[in-house]
Amino acid sequence: MRTYLIILVIALLAPLVVSQQPQQPPVHPKMKELEFLLGAWKGDLKYEIGEASFSGPVIFKFEKVLDGTYVQVTVENDLKTQGVVKGIGMLAFDGKKQKFAMFTFANGGMDGAAPREETGAVEGSKLSLETGANSVIGQLRQSWERKGDEISYVLEMRQGDKYLPIATATVKLAKS
């Protein structure tokens, strides 16, 4: 009798225990605004900084990770004589600030090993992100704008009261 009572109690409590499991918070609806970027995009990235000019092949990859809570942004740019620059960023919508936010880490380049925090917005088929004024190398802004089957990328550096482009690329969706 006692065994039956224990089994009955377990059977009655099991649904209650299962329903008390922590639930994953829903993905912010604004994350859908990034879908135009998903995929791997290839092209050439050209830098023009003062008198210096160099370029090389670039791959930007945008993919949903952690059940779509984030979009992982990876970049690999072979600058030949300057070396290969690699970076990874985690992009999400910050509901408190009502902005997209990305933390980027790179193997060198302009930021060294310091993470770069950027915030911004999507307008139509364009994502723009800016660093704060306290960035390691100064204030930067980067944008990706989709036009048909291409994305136009621009990296700008703030000089005085305006931004000047320092790197540009037109990339196309890579064929799998």
N, C-alpha and C. Protein backbone atom coordinates (compact mmCIF):
# COMPACT_ATOMS: atom_id res chain seq x y z
N MET A 1 0.82 -1.19 0.00
CA MET A 1 0.00 0.00 0.00
C MET A 1 0.87 1.26 0.00
N ARG A 2 1.90 1.20 0.81
CA ARG A 2 2.78 2.36 0.90
C ARG A 2 3.47 2.64 -0.43
N THR A 3 3.89 1.61 -1.16
CA THR A 3 4.51 1.77 -2.46
C THR A 3 3.56 2.44 -3.43
N TYR A 4 2.27 2.03 -3.40
CA TYR A 4 1.28 2.63 -4.29
C TYR A 4 1.08 4.11 -3.96
N LEU A 5 1.12 4.45 -2.72
CA LEU A 5 0.94 5.83 -2.30
C LEU A 5 2.11 6.69 -2.80
N ILE A 6 3.31 6.18 -2.71
CA ILE A 6 4.50 6.91 -3.20
C ILE A 6 4.40 7.10 -4.71
N ILE A 7 4.02 6.07 -5.43
CA ILE A 7 3.88 6.16 -6.88
C ILE A 7 2.80 7.18 -7.24
N LEU A 8 1.69 7.17 -6.51
CA LEU A 8 0.61 8.12 -6.76
C LEU A 8 1.08 9.56 -6.54
N VAL A 9 1.81 9.80 -5.47
CA VAL A 9 2.31 11.15 -5.17
C VAL A 9 3.28 11.60 -6.27
N ILE A 10 4.18 10.72 -6.70
CA ILE A 10 5.14 11.06 -7.76
C ILE A 10 4.38 11.37 -9.05
N ALA A 11 3.39 10.55 -9.39
CA ALA A 11 2.62 10.76 -10.62
C ALA A 11 1.87 12.10 -10.59
N LEU A 12 1.36 12.47 -9.42
CA LEU A 12 0.62 13.73 -9.31
C LEU A 12 1.56 14.95 -9.32
N LEU A 13 2.77 14.80 -8.79
CA LEU A 13 3.70 15.92 -8.72
C LEU A 13 4.54 16.10 -9.99
N ALA A 14 4.69 15.07 -10.79
CA ALA A 14 5.54 15.15 -11.98
C ALA A 14 5.15 16.29 -12.92
N PRO A 15 3.87 16.46 -13.28
CA PRO A 15 3.53 17.59 -14.17
C PRO A 15 3.86 18.95 -13.54
N LEU A 16 3.73 19.06 -12.23
CA LEU A 16 4.02 20.32 -11.55
C LEU A 16 5.51 20.63 -11.63
N VAL A 17 6.37 19.63 -11.45
CA VAL A 17 7.82 19.82 -11.51
C VAL A 17 8.23 20.21 -12.93
N VAL A 18 7.69 19.53 -13.93
CA VAL A 18 8.03 19.83 -15.32
C VAL A 18 7.61 21.24 -15.68
N SER A 19 6.44 21.68 -15.23
CA SER A 19 5.96 23.02 -15.57
C SER A 19 6.75 24.11 -14.87
N GLN A 20 7.54 23.78 -13.84
CA GLN A 20 8.31 24.77 -13.11
C GLN A 20 9.74 24.92 -13.66
N GLN A 21 10.08 24.22 -14.75
CA GLN A 21 11.40 24.36 -15.34
C GLN A 21 11.57 25.77 -15.89
N PRO A 22 12.77 26.34 -15.78
CA PRO A 22 12.97 27.70 -16.29
C PRO A 22 12.69 27.76 -17.80
N GLN A 23 12.02 28.80 -18.20
CA GLN A 23 11.69 28.98 -19.61
C GLN A 23 12.68 29.95 -20.24
N GLN A 24 13.08 29.65 -21.46
CA GLN A 24 13.97 30.55 -22.19
C GLN A 24 13.18 31.80 -22.56
N PRO A 25 13.74 32.98 -22.32
CA PRO A 25 13.02 34.18 -22.72
C PRO A 25 12.87 34.21 -24.24
N PRO A 26 11.81 34.80 -24.73
CA PRO A 26 11.62 34.81 -26.18
C PRO A 26 12.66 35.71 -26.85
N VAL A 27 12.98 35.38 -28.10
CA VAL A 27 13.88 36.21 -28.89
C VAL A 27 13.19 37.54 -29.15
N HIS A 28 13.92 38.63 -29.00
CA HIS A 28 13.32 39.95 -29.21
C HIS A 28 12.84 40.05 -30.66
N PRO A 29 11.61 40.52 -30.89
CA PRO A 29 11.07 40.60 -32.25
C PRO A 29 11.92 41.46 -33.20
N LYS A 30 12.67 42.42 -32.68
CA LYS A 30 13.51 43.27 -33.54
C LYS A 30 14.62 42.47 -34.22
N MET A 31 14.96 41.29 -33.70
CA MET A 31 16.01 40.48 -34.32
C MET A 31 15.65 40.09 -35.75
N LYS A 32 14.36 40.05 -36.07
CA LYS A 32 13.94 39.73 -37.44
C LYS A 32 14.44 40.76 -38.44
N GLU A 33 14.69 41.98 -37.95
CA GLU A 33 15.16 43.04 -38.84
C GLU A 33 16.55 42.77 -39.41
N LEU A 34 17.27 41.81 -38.83
CA LEU A 34 18.62 41.49 -39.29
C LEU A 34 18.65 40.38 -40.35
N GLU A 35 17.51 39.81 -40.66
CA GLU A 35 17.49 38.66 -41.56
C GLU A 35 18.05 38.95 -42.94
N PHE A 36 17.99 40.20 -43.38
CA PHE A 36 18.51 40.54 -44.71
C PHE A 36 20.04 40.37 -44.80
N LEU A 37 20.70 40.26 -43.65
CA LEU A 37 22.15 40.10 -43.62
C LEU A 37 22.61 38.65 -43.54
N LEU A 38 21.73 37.73 -43.17
CA LEU A 38 22.14 36.35 -42.91
C LEU A 38 22.80 35.72 -44.13
N GLY A 39 23.89 35.00 -43.87
CA GLY A 39 24.62 34.32 -44.92
C GLY A 39 26.08 34.71 -44.90
N ALA A 40 26.82 34.19 -45.87
CA ALA A 40 28.24 34.51 -46.04
C ALA A 40 28.38 35.39 -47.27
N TRP A 41 29.06 36.49 -47.11
CA TRP A 41 29.21 37.51 -48.15
C TRP A 41 30.69 37.68 -48.48
N LYS A 42 31.04 37.62 -49.78
CA LYS A 42 32.44 37.71 -50.19
C LYS A 42 32.66 38.86 -51.16
N GLY A 43 33.85 39.45 -51.07
CA GLY A 43 34.23 40.52 -51.98
C GLY A 43 35.62 41.01 -51.63
N ASP A 44 35.92 42.25 -52.00
CA ASP A 44 37.20 42.86 -51.69
C ASP A 44 36.97 44.08 -50.82
N LEU A 45 37.80 44.23 -49.79
CA LEU A 45 37.72 45.36 -48.88
C LEU A 45 38.93 46.25 -49.15
N LYS A 46 38.66 47.54 -49.39
CA LYS A 46 39.74 48.49 -49.69
C LYS A 46 39.83 49.50 -48.56
N TYR A 47 41.05 49.66 -48.03
CA TYR A 47 41.34 50.64 -46.99
C TYR A 47 42.05 51.83 -47.62
N GLU A 48 41.65 53.02 -47.21
CA GLU A 48 42.35 54.24 -47.59
C GLU A 48 42.43 55.11 -46.34
N ILE A 49 43.61 55.12 -45.74
CA ILE A 49 43.82 55.87 -44.51
C ILE A 49 44.97 56.84 -44.77
N GLY A 50 44.64 58.09 -44.90
CA GLY A 50 45.65 59.08 -45.26
C GLY A 50 46.22 58.74 -46.63
N GLU A 51 47.53 58.63 -46.71
CA GLU A 51 48.19 58.28 -47.97
C GLU A 51 48.26 56.77 -48.19
N ALA A 52 48.01 56.00 -47.14
CA ALA A 52 48.10 54.54 -47.24
C ALA A 52 46.85 53.96 -47.89
N SER A 53 47.06 53.00 -48.77
CA SER A 53 45.95 52.33 -49.44
C SER A 53 46.32 50.86 -49.61
N PHE A 54 45.45 49.97 -49.19
CA PHE A 54 45.67 48.55 -49.37
C PHE A 54 44.32 47.85 -49.41
N SER A 55 44.29 46.66 -49.99
CA SER A 55 43.03 45.94 -50.11
C SER A 55 43.28 44.45 -50.12
N GLY A 56 42.19 43.71 -49.99
CA GLY A 56 42.28 42.26 -50.03
C GLY A 56 40.91 41.63 -49.90
N PRO A 57 40.83 40.34 -50.17
CA PRO A 57 39.55 39.64 -50.09
C PRO A 57 38.99 39.64 -48.67
N VAL A 58 37.66 39.75 -48.58
CA VAL A 58 36.99 39.77 -47.29
C VAL A 58 35.79 38.83 -47.32
N ILE A 59 35.51 38.22 -46.19
CA ILE A 59 34.29 37.42 -46.01
C ILE A 59 33.61 37.92 -44.74
N PHE A 60 32.35 38.33 -44.87
CA PHE A 60 31.50 38.65 -43.73
C PHE A 60 30.50 37.52 -43.59
N LYS A 61 30.36 36.97 -42.39
CA LYS A 61 29.35 35.93 -42.16
C LYS A 61 28.42 36.40 -41.05
N PHE A 62 27.12 36.30 -41.31
CA PHE A 62 26.10 36.63 -40.33
C PHE A 62 25.26 35.38 -40.13
N GLU A 63 25.23 34.87 -38.89
CA GLU A 63 24.43 33.68 -38.62
C GLU A 63 23.78 33.76 -37.24
N LYS A 64 22.56 33.24 -37.18
CA LYS A 64 21.85 33.20 -35.90
C LYS A 64 22.52 32.17 -35.01
N VAL A 65 22.68 32.53 -33.73
CA VAL A 65 23.23 31.60 -32.74
C VAL A 65 22.41 31.69 -31.47
N LEU A 66 22.58 30.69 -30.61
CA LEU A 66 21.89 30.62 -29.33
C LEU A 66 20.39 30.83 -29.51
N ASP A 67 19.83 29.99 -30.37
CA ASP A 67 18.38 29.97 -30.65
C ASP A 67 17.87 31.29 -31.22
N GLY A 68 18.74 32.03 -31.92
CA GLY A 68 18.32 33.27 -32.55
C GLY A 68 18.37 34.49 -31.65
N THR A 69 18.84 34.30 -30.41
CA THR A 69 18.96 35.43 -29.49
C THR A 69 20.02 36.41 -29.98
N TYR A 70 21.05 35.90 -30.66
CA TYR A 70 22.14 36.71 -31.19
C TYR A 70 22.34 36.41 -32.66
N VAL A 71 22.96 37.35 -33.35
CA VAL A 71 23.52 37.10 -34.67
C VAL A 71 25.03 37.21 -34.49
N GLN A 72 25.72 36.12 -34.85
CA GLN A 72 27.17 36.13 -34.77
C GLN A 72 27.70 36.70 -36.08
N VAL A 73 28.56 37.69 -35.98
CA VAL A 73 29.15 38.35 -37.14
C VAL A 73 30.63 38.00 -37.15
N THR A 74 31.09 37.35 -38.21
CA THR A 74 32.52 37.07 -38.32
C THR A 74 33.05 37.73 -39.59
N VAL A 75 34.28 38.15 -39.51
CA VAL A 75 34.94 38.76 -40.67
C VAL A 75 36.35 38.21 -40.78
N GLU A 76 36.75 37.96 -42.00
CA GLU A 76 38.13 37.57 -42.28
C GLU A 76 38.57 38.36 -43.50
N ASN A 77 39.64 39.13 -43.33
CA ASN A 77 40.12 40.01 -44.38
C ASN A 77 41.62 39.78 -44.56
N ASP A 78 42.01 39.28 -45.73
CA ASP A 78 43.42 39.02 -46.03
C ASP A 78 44.00 40.26 -46.69
N LEU A 79 44.79 41.01 -45.95
CA LEU A 79 45.36 42.26 -46.46
C LEU A 79 46.76 42.07 -47.03
N LYS A 80 47.05 40.85 -47.42
CA LYS A 80 48.34 40.51 -48.04
C LYS A 80 49.51 41.00 -47.17
N THR A 81 50.10 42.14 -47.50
CA THR A 81 51.28 42.62 -46.77
C THR A 81 50.96 43.04 -45.34
N GLN A 82 49.70 43.34 -45.06
CA GLN A 82 49.30 43.75 -43.70
C GLN A 82 48.90 42.56 -42.84
N GLY A 83 48.73 41.38 -43.43
CA GLY A 83 48.32 40.20 -42.69
C GLY A 83 46.81 39.97 -42.75
N VAL A 84 46.38 38.89 -42.09
CA VAL A 84 44.96 38.52 -42.07
C VAL A 84 44.32 39.09 -40.81
N VAL A 85 43.28 39.88 -40.99
CA VAL A 85 42.53 40.43 -39.87
C VAL A 85 41.28 39.59 -39.70
N LYS A 86 41.06 39.09 -38.49
CA LYS A 86 39.88 38.29 -38.18
C LYS A 86 39.15 38.93 -37.02
N GLY A 87 37.84 38.86 -37.05
CA GLY A 87 37.05 39.38 -35.95
C GLY A 87 35.77 38.60 -35.78
N ILE A 88 35.23 38.69 -34.58
CA ILE A 88 33.95 38.05 -34.29
C ILE A 88 33.15 39.01 -33.40
N GLY A 89 31.89 39.14 -33.72
CA GLY A 89 31.01 40.00 -32.94
C GLY A 89 29.73 39.28 -32.59
N MET A 90 29.16 39.63 -31.47
CA MET A 90 27.85 39.11 -31.07
C MET A 90 26.89 40.28 -31.07
N LEU A 91 25.86 40.18 -31.89
CA LEU A 91 24.92 41.27 -32.14
C LEU A 91 23.55 40.87 -31.63
N ALA A 92 22.91 41.76 -30.88
CA ALA A 92 21.56 41.49 -30.35
C ALA A 92 20.83 42.82 -30.19
N PHE A 93 19.54 42.74 -29.92
CA PHE A 93 18.77 43.95 -29.65
C PHE A 93 18.69 44.15 -28.15
N ASP A 94 19.09 45.33 -27.69
CA ASP A 94 19.04 45.69 -26.28
C ASP A 94 17.71 46.38 -26.03
N GLY A 95 16.79 45.65 -25.40
CA GLY A 95 15.45 46.17 -25.17
C GLY A 95 15.42 47.37 -24.23
N LYS A 96 16.37 47.45 -23.31
CA LYS A 96 16.40 48.59 -22.38
C LYS A 96 16.83 49.87 -23.10
N LYS A 97 17.85 49.76 -23.95
CA LYS A 97 18.34 50.94 -24.66
C LYS A 97 17.59 51.18 -25.98
N GLN A 98 16.81 50.17 -26.40
CA GLN A 98 16.09 50.22 -27.67
C GLN A 98 17.04 50.45 -28.84
N LYS A 99 18.18 49.73 -28.81
CA LYS A 99 19.17 49.79 -29.87
C LYS A 99 19.76 48.41 -30.06
N PHE A 100 20.30 48.18 -31.25
CA PHE A 100 21.10 46.99 -31.46
C PHE A 100 22.45 47.23 -30.80
N ALA A 101 23.04 46.18 -30.24
CA ALA A 101 24.35 46.29 -29.59
C ALA A 101 25.22 45.12 -30.04
N MET A 102 26.49 45.42 -30.28
CA MET A 102 27.42 44.38 -30.69
C MET A 102 28.75 44.56 -29.94
N PHE A 103 29.26 43.44 -29.45
CA PHE A 103 30.60 43.40 -28.87
C PHE A 103 31.47 42.66 -29.88
N THR A 104 32.57 43.29 -30.30
CA THR A 104 33.45 42.74 -31.32
C THR A 104 34.83 42.50 -30.74
N PHE A 105 35.40 41.37 -31.12
CA PHE A 105 36.75 41.01 -30.71
C PHE A 105 37.53 40.70 -31.98
N ALA A 106 38.78 41.18 -32.05
CA ALA A 106 39.59 40.96 -33.25
C ALA A 106 40.97 40.46 -32.87
N ASN A 107 41.67 39.89 -33.86
CA ASN A 107 43.01 39.35 -33.62
C ASN A 107 44.09 40.42 -33.73
N GLY A 108 43.71 41.64 -33.80
CA GLY A 108 44.69 42.72 -33.94
C GLY A 108 44.00 43.88 -34.60
N GLY A 109 44.59 44.35 -35.67
CA GLY A 109 43.98 45.47 -36.37
C GLY A 109 44.01 46.72 -35.51
N MET A 110 43.05 47.57 -35.68
CA MET A 110 43.06 48.88 -35.05
C MET A 110 42.78 48.83 -33.55
N ASP A 111 42.03 47.85 -33.09
CA ASP A 111 41.65 47.79 -31.68
C ASP A 111 42.59 46.95 -30.83
N GLY A 112 43.53 46.27 -31.45
CA GLY A 112 44.34 45.34 -30.67
C GLY A 112 43.44 44.24 -30.15
N ALA A 113 43.64 43.82 -28.92
CA ALA A 113 42.82 42.75 -28.35
C ALA A 113 41.63 43.28 -27.57
N ALA A 114 41.47 44.59 -27.50
CA ALA A 114 40.37 45.17 -26.72
C ALA A 114 39.03 44.95 -27.40
N PRO A 115 38.01 44.55 -26.66
CA PRO A 115 36.69 44.42 -27.27
C PRO A 115 36.16 45.79 -27.64
N ARG A 116 35.39 45.82 -28.71
CA ARG A 116 34.80 47.08 -29.16
C ARG A 116 33.29 46.97 -29.00
N GLU A 117 32.69 47.92 -28.30
CA GLU A 117 31.24 47.94 -28.12
C GLU A 117 30.64 48.95 -29.10
N GLU A 118 29.62 48.50 -29.81
CA GLU A 118 28.95 49.35 -30.78
C GLU A 118 27.45 49.28 -30.57
N THR A 119 26.77 50.36 -30.86
CA THR A 119 25.30 50.37 -30.82
C THR A 119 24.79 51.04 -32.08
N GLY A 120 23.55 50.72 -32.43
CA GLY A 120 22.99 51.32 -33.63
C GLY A 120 21.60 50.84 -33.93
N ALA A 121 21.25 50.95 -35.20
CA ALA A 121 19.87 50.67 -35.62
C ALA A 121 19.84 50.09 -37.02
N VAL A 122 18.69 49.51 -37.34
CA VAL A 122 18.39 49.06 -38.69
C VAL A 122 17.36 50.02 -39.27
N GLU A 123 17.65 50.50 -40.45
CA GLU A 123 16.69 51.32 -41.19
C GLU A 123 16.52 50.68 -42.56
N GLY A 124 15.37 50.07 -42.77
CA GLY A 124 15.14 49.36 -44.03
C GLY A 124 16.08 48.18 -44.14
N SER A 125 16.95 48.22 -45.14
CA SER A 125 17.92 47.14 -45.33
C SER A 125 19.34 47.63 -45.05
N LYS A 126 19.48 48.50 -44.04
CA LYS A 126 20.79 49.01 -43.66
C LYS A 126 20.96 48.93 -42.14
N LEU A 127 22.06 48.28 -41.72
CA LEU A 127 22.45 48.23 -40.32
C LEU A 127 23.62 49.18 -40.13
N SER A 128 23.50 50.12 -39.20
CA SER A 128 24.59 51.04 -38.86
C SER A 128 24.90 50.91 -37.38
N LEU A 129 26.19 50.82 -37.07
CA LEU A 129 26.66 50.69 -35.69
C LEU A 129 27.78 51.69 -35.44
N GLU A 130 27.79 52.28 -34.24
CA GLU A 130 28.83 53.24 -33.86
C GLU A 130 29.47 52.83 -32.55
N THR A 131 30.76 53.14 -32.44
CA THR A 131 31.43 52.98 -31.15
C THR A 131 31.19 54.24 -30.34
N GLY A 132 31.45 54.17 -29.06
CA GLY A 132 31.38 55.36 -28.23
C GLY A 132 32.63 56.21 -28.43
N ALA A 133 32.62 57.39 -27.90
CA ALA A 133 33.76 58.30 -28.04
C ALA A 133 34.98 57.78 -27.31
N ASN A 134 34.81 56.83 -26.39
CA ASN A 134 35.94 56.32 -25.62
C ASN A 134 36.54 55.06 -26.22
N SER A 135 36.28 54.79 -27.48
CA SER A 135 36.87 53.63 -28.14
C SER A 135 38.39 53.74 -28.12
N VAL A 136 39.07 52.60 -28.15
CA VAL A 136 40.53 52.56 -28.08
C VAL A 136 41.17 53.40 -29.19
N ILE A 137 40.60 53.38 -30.38
CA ILE A 137 41.22 54.08 -31.51
C ILE A 137 40.44 55.30 -31.98
N GLY A 138 39.43 55.69 -31.26
CA GLY A 138 38.60 56.81 -31.69
C GLY A 138 37.22 56.32 -32.05
N GLN A 139 36.36 57.21 -32.44
CA GLN A 139 34.99 56.86 -32.72
C GLN A 139 34.85 56.33 -34.15
N LEU A 140 34.26 55.15 -34.26
CA LEU A 140 34.06 54.50 -35.56
C LEU A 140 32.58 54.31 -35.83
N ARG A 141 32.25 54.21 -37.10
CA ARG A 141 30.89 53.84 -37.51
C ARG A 141 31.04 52.87 -38.68
N GLN A 142 30.28 51.80 -38.63
CA GLN A 142 30.29 50.88 -39.77
C GLN A 142 28.86 50.57 -40.16
N SER A 143 28.68 50.31 -41.45
CA SER A 143 27.33 50.01 -41.93
C SER A 143 27.38 48.97 -43.03
N TRP A 144 26.32 48.19 -43.07
CA TRP A 144 26.10 47.20 -44.11
C TRP A 144 24.74 47.52 -44.72
N GLU A 145 24.69 47.75 -46.02
CA GLU A 145 23.42 48.05 -46.67
C GLU A 145 23.21 47.10 -47.83
N ARG A 146 22.10 46.39 -47.77
CA ARG A 146 21.80 45.43 -48.84
C ARG A 146 21.08 46.14 -49.97
N LYS A 147 21.59 45.89 -51.17
CA LYS A 147 20.98 46.40 -52.40
C LYS A 147 20.91 45.23 -53.37
N GLY A 148 19.72 44.63 -53.47
CA GLY A 148 19.57 43.45 -54.32
C GLY A 148 20.38 42.29 -53.79
N ASP A 149 21.28 41.76 -54.62
CA ASP A 149 22.09 40.61 -54.20
C ASP A 149 23.48 41.03 -53.70
N GLU A 150 23.65 42.32 -53.39
CA GLU A 150 24.92 42.81 -52.88
C GLU A 150 24.74 43.55 -51.56
N ILE A 151 25.84 43.62 -50.82
CA ILE A 151 25.88 44.45 -49.62
C ILE A 151 27.03 45.44 -49.79
N SER A 152 26.72 46.68 -49.51
CA SER A 152 27.72 47.73 -49.50
C SER A 152 28.15 47.93 -48.06
N TYR A 153 29.45 47.82 -47.80
CA TYR A 153 30.01 47.98 -46.45
C TYR A 153 30.87 49.24 -46.42
N VAL A 154 30.72 50.02 -45.36
CA VAL A 154 31.54 51.21 -45.16
C VAL A 154 31.98 51.27 -43.70
N LEU A 155 33.28 51.48 -43.48
CA LEU A 155 33.83 51.72 -42.16
C LEU A 155 34.34 53.16 -42.16
N GLU A 156 33.87 53.94 -41.17
CA GLU A 156 34.23 55.34 -41.12
C GLU A 156 34.84 55.68 -39.76
N MET A 157 35.71 56.68 -39.75
CA MET A 157 36.31 57.16 -38.51
C MET A 157 35.93 58.63 -38.34
N ARG A 158 35.55 58.96 -37.11
CA ARG A 158 35.17 60.34 -36.83
C ARG A 158 36.41 61.22 -36.75
N GLN A 159 36.36 62.31 -37.49
CA GLN A 159 37.41 63.32 -37.45
C GLN A 159 36.72 64.67 -37.30
N GLY A 160 36.87 65.24 -36.12
CA GLY A 160 36.17 66.49 -35.83
C GLY A 160 34.68 66.22 -35.70
N ASP A 161 33.89 66.94 -36.47
CA ASP A 161 32.44 66.79 -36.38
C ASP A 161 31.85 65.95 -37.51
N LYS A 162 32.71 65.24 -38.27
CA LYS A 162 32.19 64.41 -39.36
C LYS A 162 32.91 63.07 -39.42
N TYR A 163 32.29 62.14 -40.11
CA TYR A 163 32.88 60.82 -40.33
C TYR A 163 33.49 60.77 -41.73
N LEU A 164 34.68 60.18 -41.82
CA LEU A 164 35.34 59.99 -43.10
C LEU A 164 35.53 58.50 -43.35
N PRO A 165 35.19 58.01 -44.56
CA PRO A 165 35.37 56.58 -44.84
C PRO A 165 36.84 56.19 -44.84
N ILE A 166 37.13 55.06 -44.20
CA ILE A 166 38.50 54.53 -44.22
C ILE A 166 38.55 53.13 -44.86
N ALA A 167 37.40 52.49 -45.02
CA ALA A 167 37.37 51.18 -45.68
C ALA A 167 35.99 50.99 -46.34
N THR A 168 36.00 50.41 -47.53
CA THR A 168 34.75 50.16 -48.26
C THR A 168 34.83 48.81 -48.95
N ALA A 169 33.66 48.21 -49.15
CA ALA A 169 33.59 46.94 -49.87
C ALA A 169 32.19 46.77 -50.46
N THR A 170 32.15 46.06 -51.56
CA THR A 170 30.89 45.57 -52.09
C THR A 170 31.03 44.06 -52.11
N VAL A 171 30.12 43.38 -51.40
CA VAL A 171 30.22 41.91 -51.27
C VAL A 171 28.96 41.26 -51.80
N LYS A 172 29.12 40.05 -52.27
CA LYS A 172 27.99 39.27 -52.79
C LYS A 172 27.82 38.00 -51.97
N LEU A 173 26.59 37.51 -51.93
CA LEU A 173 26.29 36.29 -51.21
C LEU A 173 27.09 35.14 -51.82
N ALA A 174 27.85 34.45 -50.97
CA ALA A 174 28.69 33.34 -51.42
C ALA A 174 27.82 32.15 -51.78
N LYS A 175 28.19 31.47 -52.81
CA LYS A 175 27.46 30.27 -53.22
C LYS A 175 27.93 29.10 -52.37
N SER A 176 26.99 28.33 -51.87
CA SER A 176 27.33 27.21 -50.99
C SER A 176 27.84 26.04 -51.76
